[in-house]
Amino acid sequence: MPDTSKKPQNFPRILQKWNREKNTRQMPWKGEKDPYKIWLSEIILQQTRVEQGLNYYNNFIKTFPDVHRLAKAPEEKVFKLWEGLGYYTRCRNLIASAKYISKELKGKFPGSYEEIKALKGVGPYTAAAISSFAFNLPHAVVDGNVFRVLARVFGINTPIDSTEGRKKFTELADKLLDKKQPGLYNQAIMDFGAVICKPAPVCSQCMFKTTCYAFLNNKINELPVKEKKLTIKKRWFYYFVLEHEGKMAIHQRTGKDIWQQLYEFPMIEMDKEQDLNTLLLQAENKGLLPKKNYDLVSVSSPYKQQLSHQLIAGQFIKINLKKNPDVKNNPVAAAWLWLAKNKLSKYAFPKFINLYLFAPKPPVLF
């Protein structure tokens, strides 16, 4: 294992020099001191690329310029604004923390690392980012960019997704942190990992190439190390797009699963691909369709959406109902909302459904 005790003592100085002279990465929240805006940007950027999150950040700031506005907003409005970002637990935590700050703290954002970390949806990295950027507190950020930079420059082959690895990287990050300018330093190392020490790095422009372990030992593609292999679960979602008298049926997802609190069409989940006749029979048995009182309009081509640990596949089966659903004797149908097509855009749907809903001409098998 490489000896990290021989680390370049001038790492912070070189990094800050690069930041002053070479770093041209622009983001609207860089240099921001309002903890509300910093918190908002950090929550949005959790598991989201900057390029994707930029417009969401701008829209949130415009719609909810302070934490009180966010806390008082109808949750459906917040989810609609979040729509498309994925990882919707972040949005639920955002709403919960906004209400807590607005009501319990009278709108005053927590000012210490521990208080910030106690907010829902805020872990060590996010708390370090907010506390250093907003309050200049000496807490080092350790995100994917930082893992990559430190692993390569200092030759650390301890897996970043292990307890030992997280501890080792955090200790090194704390040692290297510029305690006088923690916010500036944290932003610099994250930017360096984003534009120079990328997964496919630009080593020709790297100011550490004369001392970088990975560069000098041809280990660029081997660092950082992860020990856990991602297991992808495949799920089949078959949506029934029910129409009756110009309206369509939707309902809100509940329970602790993906897309919680978003809306969807009535759906049957299967463990494997199914033929149409089986699906129609299942839908009748589960109360999604009135037996023999409907017309099959079309069946879409297959759709797919890759999530972090799941692959969602499925189809949309469009049905015209010949009569109103029996909501008195059917608790499934009783939970549905019936909306005109032009009202659907006011509700937040998973990307999987929006791919079908808002395609110019959704592809169909028949």
Protein backbone atom coordinates (compact mmCIF):
# COMPACT_ATOMS: atom_id res chain seq x y z
CA MET A 1 0.00 0.00 0.00
CA PRO A 2 1.37 3.49 -0.84
CA ASP A 3 2.77 5.51 2.03
CA THR A 4 0.56 8.58 2.32
CA SER A 5 2.78 10.00 5.06
CA LYS A 6 5.02 11.21 2.21
CA LYS A 7 2.25 13.38 0.83
CA PRO A 8 3.24 16.65 -0.82
CA GLN A 9 3.14 19.25 1.96
CA ASN A 10 2.37 21.94 -0.57
CA PHE A 11 -0.86 20.32 -1.88
CA PRO A 12 -3.16 23.07 -0.51
CA ARG A 13 -0.91 25.82 -1.88
CA ILE A 14 -0.73 24.27 -5.35
CA LEU A 15 -4.48 23.67 -5.37
CA GLN A 16 -5.23 27.26 -4.37
CA LYS A 17 -2.83 28.52 -7.04
CA TRP A 18 -4.71 26.49 -9.66
CA ASN A 19 -7.99 27.84 -8.30
CA ARG A 20 -6.84 31.46 -8.59
CA GLU A 21 -5.15 31.21 -11.98
CA LYS A 22 -6.79 28.40 -13.92
CA ASN A 23 -10.23 27.62 -12.50
CA THR A 24 -12.88 29.02 -14.84
CA ARG A 25 -15.77 26.83 -13.69
CA GLN A 26 -18.83 29.03 -13.27
CA MET A 27 -21.88 28.22 -11.14
CA PRO A 28 -24.47 30.67 -9.78
CA TRP A 29 -23.99 29.56 -6.17
CA LYS A 30 -20.19 29.92 -6.13
CA GLY A 31 -19.25 32.61 -3.62
CA GLU A 32 -22.81 32.60 -2.25
CA LYS A 33 -23.06 33.23 1.51
CA ASP A 34 -26.81 32.80 2.01
CA PRO A 35 -27.06 29.39 3.77
CA TYR A 36 -30.58 28.84 2.39
CA LYS A 37 -29.37 29.10 -1.21
CA ILE A 38 -26.27 27.01 -0.50
CA TRP A 39 -28.39 24.33 1.18
CA LEU A 40 -30.79 24.32 -1.75
CA SER A 41 -27.96 23.94 -4.28
CA GLU A 42 -26.32 21.14 -2.30
CA ILE A 43 -29.56 19.15 -1.94
CA ILE A 44 -30.26 19.50 -5.67
CA LEU A 45 -26.70 18.44 -6.55
CA GLN A 46 -26.83 15.29 -4.43
CA GLN A 47 -26.66 12.51 -7.05
CA THR A 48 -27.21 15.08 -9.83
CA ARG A 49 -24.78 16.58 -12.32
CA VAL A 50 -24.28 20.35 -12.16
CA GLU A 51 -25.42 20.74 -15.77
CA GLN A 52 -28.72 19.02 -14.96
CA GLY A 53 -29.27 20.75 -11.63
CA LEU A 54 -28.57 24.32 -12.77
CA ASN A 55 -32.03 25.11 -14.16
CA TYR A 56 -33.71 23.44 -11.19
CA TYR A 57 -31.72 25.61 -8.79
CA ASN A 58 -32.63 28.79 -10.67
CA ASN A 59 -36.31 27.82 -10.79
CA PHE A 60 -36.41 27.01 -7.07
CA ILE A 61 -34.74 30.29 -6.13
CA LYS A 62 -37.13 32.23 -8.35
CA THR A 63 -40.22 30.42 -7.05
CA PHE A 64 -39.14 30.12 -3.41
CA PRO A 65 -36.71 33.00 -2.71
CA ASP A 66 -36.60 32.22 1.01
CA VAL A 67 -37.19 29.28 3.32
CA HIS A 68 -40.61 30.57 4.47
CA ARG A 69 -41.94 30.54 0.89
CA LEU A 70 -40.70 26.98 0.43
CA ALA A 71 -42.14 25.83 3.75
CA LYS A 72 -45.59 27.29 3.03
CA ALA A 73 -45.85 26.02 -0.56
CA PRO A 74 -48.24 23.15 -1.37
CA GLU A 75 -46.17 19.98 -1.50
CA GLU A 76 -47.52 19.11 -4.95
CA LYS A 77 -46.11 22.39 -6.26
CA VAL A 78 -42.67 21.59 -4.83
CA PHE A 79 -42.72 18.08 -6.28
CA LYS A 80 -43.79 19.45 -9.67
CA LEU A 81 -40.80 21.80 -9.65
CA TRP A 82 -38.55 18.88 -8.67
CA GLU A 83 -40.02 16.64 -11.38
CA GLY A 84 -37.32 14.99 -13.49
CA LEU A 85 -34.50 15.28 -10.94
CA GLY A 86 -35.11 11.82 -9.53
CA TYR A 87 -34.20 10.53 -6.06
CA TYR A 88 -37.41 12.06 -4.71
CA THR A 89 -36.49 11.34 -1.10
CA ARG A 90 -34.34 14.46 -1.43
CA CYS A 91 -37.44 16.51 -2.20
CA ARG A 92 -39.36 15.09 0.76
CA ASN A 93 -36.42 15.86 3.05
CA LEU A 94 -36.14 19.35 1.56
CA ILE A 95 -39.77 20.07 2.38
CA ALA A 96 -39.48 18.66 5.90
CA SER A 97 -36.33 20.67 6.69
CA ALA A 98 -37.81 23.86 5.23
CA LYS A 99 -40.85 23.52 7.49
CA TYR A 100 -38.60 22.87 10.49
CA ILE A 101 -36.37 25.89 9.81
CA SER A 102 -39.34 28.14 9.06
CA LYS A 103 -41.47 27.15 12.06
CA GLU A 104 -39.13 25.91 14.79
CA LEU A 105 -36.12 28.15 14.02
CA LYS A 106 -38.20 31.16 12.87
CA GLY A 107 -36.44 31.12 9.50
CA LYS A 108 -32.92 31.31 10.90
CA PHE A 109 -30.72 28.69 9.24
CA PRO A 110 -28.62 26.55 11.66
CA GLY A 111 -25.13 27.97 12.05
CA SER A 112 -23.02 25.04 13.23
CA TYR A 113 -21.85 21.86 11.50
CA GLU A 114 -23.70 19.56 13.93
CA GLU A 115 -26.95 21.52 13.73
CA ILE A 116 -26.80 21.52 9.94
CA LYS A 117 -26.05 17.78 9.85
CA ALA A 118 -29.13 17.18 12.02
CA LEU A 119 -31.40 18.46 9.23
CA LYS A 120 -33.25 15.79 7.26
CA GLY A 121 -31.38 14.77 4.13
CA VAL A 122 -28.09 16.34 5.24
CA GLY A 123 -25.08 14.06 5.74
CA PRO A 124 -21.43 14.80 6.59
CA TYR A 125 -20.54 16.00 3.08
CA THR A 126 -23.49 18.36 2.71
CA ALA A 127 -23.05 19.70 6.26
CA ALA A 128 -19.36 20.36 5.57
CA ALA A 129 -20.17 22.15 2.32
CA ILE A 130 -22.86 24.38 3.83
CA SER A 131 -20.91 25.18 7.02
CA SER A 132 -17.71 26.02 5.14
CA PHE A 133 -19.32 27.98 2.29
CA ALA A 134 -21.84 29.92 4.38
CA PHE A 135 -20.03 30.28 7.72
CA ASN A 136 -16.37 29.61 6.83
CA LEU A 137 -16.21 26.76 9.36
CA PRO A 138 -13.23 24.37 9.04
CA HIS A 139 -14.91 21.20 7.79
CA ALA A 140 -13.51 19.36 4.76
CA VAL A 141 -15.88 18.11 2.06
CA VAL A 142 -15.43 14.55 0.86
CA ASP A 143 -17.52 13.82 -2.23
CA GLY A 144 -16.91 11.79 -5.37
CA ASN A 145 -14.62 14.43 -6.84
CA VAL A 146 -12.56 14.63 -3.65
CA PHE A 147 -12.29 10.84 -3.36
CA ARG A 148 -10.95 10.70 -6.91
CA VAL A 149 -8.38 13.49 -6.46
CA LEU A 150 -7.02 12.19 -3.17
CA ALA A 151 -6.97 8.54 -4.27
CA ARG A 152 -4.96 9.37 -7.39
CA VAL A 153 -2.61 12.04 -6.06
CA PHE A 154 -1.76 10.16 -2.87
CA GLY A 155 -2.11 6.60 -4.16
CA ILE A 156 -4.78 5.40 -1.75
CA ASN A 157 -6.15 2.00 -2.77
CA THR A 158 -8.44 1.51 0.23
CA PRO A 159 -12.00 1.18 -1.17
CA ILE A 160 -13.90 4.45 -0.96
CA ASP A 161 -17.15 2.62 -0.18
CA SER A 162 -15.71 0.87 2.90
CA THR A 163 -15.80 2.10 6.49
CA GLU A 164 -12.00 2.11 6.61
CA GLY A 165 -11.82 4.00 3.32
CA ARG A 166 -14.28 6.71 4.35
CA LYS A 167 -12.36 7.19 7.59
CA LYS A 168 -8.97 7.35 5.86
CA PHE A 169 -10.11 9.81 3.17
CA THR A 170 -11.88 12.01 5.71
CA GLU A 171 -8.78 12.17 7.92
CA LEU A 172 -6.57 13.08 4.96
CA ALA A 173 -9.07 15.69 3.71
CA ASP A 174 -9.13 17.27 7.17
CA LYS A 175 -5.31 17.40 7.31
CA LEU A 176 -5.10 19.08 3.91
CA LEU A 177 -7.90 21.58 4.53
CA ASP A 178 -6.92 25.24 4.52
CA LYS A 179 -8.33 26.17 7.92
CA LYS A 180 -8.16 29.90 7.15
CA GLN A 181 -10.13 29.62 3.90
CA PRO A 182 -12.10 26.35 4.19
CA GLY A 183 -14.91 27.38 1.87
CA LEU A 184 -12.55 28.53 -0.86
CA TYR A 185 -10.40 25.39 -0.48
CA ASN A 186 -13.41 23.03 -0.52
CA GLN A 187 -14.76 24.62 -3.68
CA ALA A 188 -11.31 24.44 -5.28
CA ILE A 189 -10.79 20.72 -4.70
CA MET A 190 -14.31 19.88 -5.91
CA ASP A 191 -13.82 21.99 -9.03
CA PHE A 192 -10.42 20.40 -9.64
CA GLY A 193 -12.02 16.94 -9.52
CA ALA A 194 -14.78 18.08 -11.85
CA VAL A 195 -12.69 19.72 -14.59
CA ILE A 196 -9.14 18.26 -14.34
CA CYS A 197 -9.09 15.04 -12.30
CA LYS A 198 -12.26 13.75 -13.96
CA PRO A 199 -12.99 10.03 -14.42
CA ALA A 200 -11.14 10.53 -17.73
CA PRO A 201 -8.60 13.07 -16.43
CA VAL A 202 -6.83 15.88 -18.26
CA CYS A 203 -3.39 15.01 -16.91
CA SER A 204 -1.60 17.35 -19.32
CA GLN A 205 -3.16 20.30 -17.45
CA CYS A 206 -2.67 18.90 -13.96
CA MET A 207 -0.41 20.84 -11.58
CA PHE A 208 0.22 17.65 -9.57
CA LYS A 209 1.50 15.45 -12.39
CA THR A 210 5.10 15.54 -11.13
CA THR A 211 4.03 14.06 -7.78
CA CYS A 212 0.71 12.29 -8.55
CA TYR A 213 1.00 8.61 -7.62
CA ALA A 214 -1.56 7.44 -10.19
CA PHE A 215 0.05 9.39 -13.03
CA LEU A 216 3.60 8.30 -12.20
CA ASN A 217 2.63 4.64 -11.71
CA ASN A 218 0.11 4.27 -14.54
CA LYS A 219 -2.78 3.71 -12.08
CA ILE A 220 -5.14 6.41 -13.31
CA ASN A 221 -7.86 3.96 -14.35
CA GLU A 222 -7.48 1.86 -11.20
CA LEU A 223 -8.06 4.61 -8.64
CA PRO A 224 -10.22 5.22 -6.72
CA VAL A 225 -11.16 1.66 -5.72
CA LYS A 226 -14.68 0.44 -4.98
CA GLU A 227 -15.26 -2.92 -3.33
CA LYS A 228 -19.00 -3.32 -3.82
CA LYS A 229 -20.49 -4.35 -7.14
CA LEU A 230 -23.80 -2.77 -8.05
CA THR A 231 -26.67 -5.26 -8.33
CA ILE A 232 -29.42 -4.13 -10.68
CA LYS A 233 -32.97 -5.31 -10.00
CA LYS A 234 -35.33 -5.44 -12.98
CA ARG A 235 -39.00 -4.57 -12.50
CA TRP A 236 -41.87 -4.64 -14.99
CA PHE A 237 -44.51 -1.90 -14.69
CA TYR A 238 -47.62 -2.21 -16.83
CA TYR A 239 -49.67 0.98 -16.80
CA PHE A 240 -53.35 1.09 -17.74
CA VAL A 241 -54.19 4.46 -19.27
CA LEU A 242 -57.90 4.50 -18.55
CA GLU A 243 -60.17 7.02 -20.25
CA HIS A 244 -63.85 7.70 -19.70
CA GLU A 245 -65.86 10.68 -20.95
CA GLY A 246 -62.72 12.66 -21.77
CA LYS A 247 -61.01 12.10 -18.43
CA MET A 248 -58.08 9.91 -17.36
CA ALA A 249 -57.46 8.08 -14.08
CA ILE A 250 -54.36 8.71 -11.98
CA HIS A 251 -53.43 8.10 -8.35
CA GLN A 252 -50.61 9.03 -5.99
CA ARG A 253 -47.91 6.51 -5.13
CA THR A 254 -47.63 5.74 -1.42
CA GLY A 255 -45.48 3.42 0.65
CA LYS A 256 -41.70 3.29 0.91
CA ASP A 257 -40.79 2.64 -2.70
CA ILE A 258 -39.47 4.60 -5.65
CA TRP A 259 -41.41 7.68 -6.77
CA GLN A 260 -43.23 8.06 -3.46
CA GLN A 261 -45.83 10.87 -3.59
CA LEU A 262 -45.60 11.17 -7.38
CA TYR A 263 -48.59 10.35 -9.56
CA GLU A 264 -49.09 7.48 -11.98
CA PHE A 265 -51.73 5.59 -13.94
CA PRO A 266 -53.25 2.44 -12.43
CA MET A 267 -50.50 -0.16 -12.66
CA ILE A 268 -49.68 -3.83 -12.29
CA GLU A 269 -46.12 -4.82 -11.41
CA MET A 270 -44.85 -8.17 -12.67
CA ASP A 271 -41.60 -10.03 -12.08
CA LYS A 272 -41.12 -10.67 -15.79
CA GLU A 273 -42.44 -9.64 -19.19
CA GLN A 274 -46.07 -10.64 -19.78
CA ASP A 275 -48.37 -11.06 -22.76
CA LEU A 276 -51.39 -8.79 -23.21
CA ASN A 277 -54.09 -11.36 -22.42
CA THR A 278 -52.45 -12.20 -19.09
CA LEU A 279 -52.23 -8.51 -18.23
CA LEU A 280 -55.86 -7.80 -19.07
CA LEU A 281 -57.01 -10.78 -16.99
CA GLN A 282 -54.83 -9.62 -14.07
CA ALA A 283 -56.24 -6.10 -14.37
CA GLU A 284 -59.79 -7.42 -14.23
CA ASN A 285 -59.04 -9.61 -11.21
CA LYS A 286 -57.36 -6.73 -9.35
CA GLY A 287 -60.21 -4.31 -10.00
CA LEU A 288 -58.37 -2.07 -12.46
CA LEU A 289 -60.76 -2.99 -15.29
CA PRO A 290 -64.50 -3.73 -15.23
CA LYS A 291 -64.88 -7.18 -16.75
CA LYS A 292 -65.79 -6.97 -20.44
CA ASN A 293 -66.90 -3.34 -20.15
CA TYR A 294 -64.00 -1.70 -21.92
CA ASP A 295 -62.36 -1.31 -25.30
CA LEU A 296 -58.65 -1.84 -25.89
CA VAL A 297 -57.30 1.19 -27.80
CA SER A 298 -53.55 0.65 -28.05
CA VAL A 299 -50.47 -0.86 -26.46
CA SER A 300 -47.27 1.15 -26.40
CA SER A 301 -43.84 -0.06 -27.38
CA PRO A 302 -41.68 -1.00 -24.38
CA TYR A 303 -40.23 1.82 -22.28
CA LYS A 304 -37.20 1.63 -20.00
CA GLN A 305 -35.67 3.81 -17.30
CA GLN A 306 -32.40 3.06 -15.53
CA LEU A 307 -32.31 4.02 -11.87
CA SER A 308 -29.28 3.66 -9.60
CA HIS A 309 -30.14 0.14 -8.45
CA GLN A 310 -33.12 -0.72 -10.62
CA LEU A 311 -34.10 -1.05 -14.25
CA ILE A 312 -37.76 -0.20 -14.82
CA ALA A 313 -39.30 -1.65 -17.95
CA GLY A 314 -42.89 -1.76 -19.06
CA GLN A 315 -45.67 -0.61 -21.35
CA PHE A 316 -48.74 1.61 -21.45
CA ILE A 317 -52.06 -0.03 -22.27
CA LYS A 318 -54.66 2.49 -23.35
CA ILE A 319 -58.26 1.56 -22.48
CA ASN A 320 -61.64 3.24 -23.03
CA LEU A 321 -64.08 2.37 -20.26
CA LYS A 322 -67.69 1.93 -21.33
CA LYS A 323 -69.10 2.98 -17.96
CA ASN A 324 -68.06 4.68 -14.73
CA PRO A 325 -65.98 2.52 -12.38
CA ASP A 326 -67.89 1.05 -9.44
CA VAL A 327 -66.13 3.00 -6.68
CA LYS A 328 -68.53 1.83 -3.95
CA ASN A 329 -67.53 -1.80 -4.31
CA ASN A 330 -64.02 -1.22 -5.58
CA PRO A 331 -61.57 0.39 -3.12
CA VAL A 332 -58.88 0.41 -5.81
CA ALA A 333 -60.91 2.62 -8.15
CA ALA A 334 -62.10 4.78 -5.26
CA ALA A 335 -58.54 6.14 -4.82
CA TRP A 336 -58.26 7.37 -8.41
CA LEU A 337 -58.44 10.98 -9.54
CA TRP A 338 -60.19 11.57 -12.86
CA LEU A 339 -58.70 14.48 -14.77
CA ALA A 340 -59.06 16.09 -18.16
CA LYS A 341 -55.92 15.56 -20.27
CA ASN A 342 -54.98 19.25 -20.12
CA LYS A 343 -54.86 19.04 -16.30
CA LEU A 344 -52.23 16.29 -16.15
CA SER A 345 -49.35 18.73 -16.54
CA LYS A 346 -50.10 20.18 -13.09
CA TYR A 347 -49.18 16.91 -11.41
CA ALA A 348 -45.69 15.48 -10.86
CA PHE A 349 -45.07 12.17 -12.63
CA PRO A 350 -42.00 9.93 -12.76
CA LYS A 351 -39.78 10.36 -15.81
CA PHE A 352 -40.88 6.91 -16.98
CA ILE A 353 -44.46 8.14 -17.40
CA ASN A 354 -43.50 11.55 -18.79
CA LEU A 355 -41.59 9.79 -21.56
CA TYR A 356 -44.92 8.38 -22.66
CA LEU A 357 -47.18 11.30 -21.76
CA PHE A 358 -45.30 14.08 -23.46
CA ALA A 359 -43.76 12.32 -26.44
CA PRO A 360 -44.97 13.96 -29.69
CA LYS A 361 -46.43 10.62 -30.81
CA PRO A 362 -45.95 7.80 -28.31
CA PRO A 363 -44.89 4.69 -30.25
CA VAL A 364 -47.48 1.93 -30.13
CA LEU A 365 -47.45 -1.72 -31.11
CA PHE A 366 -51.04 -1.44 -32.34
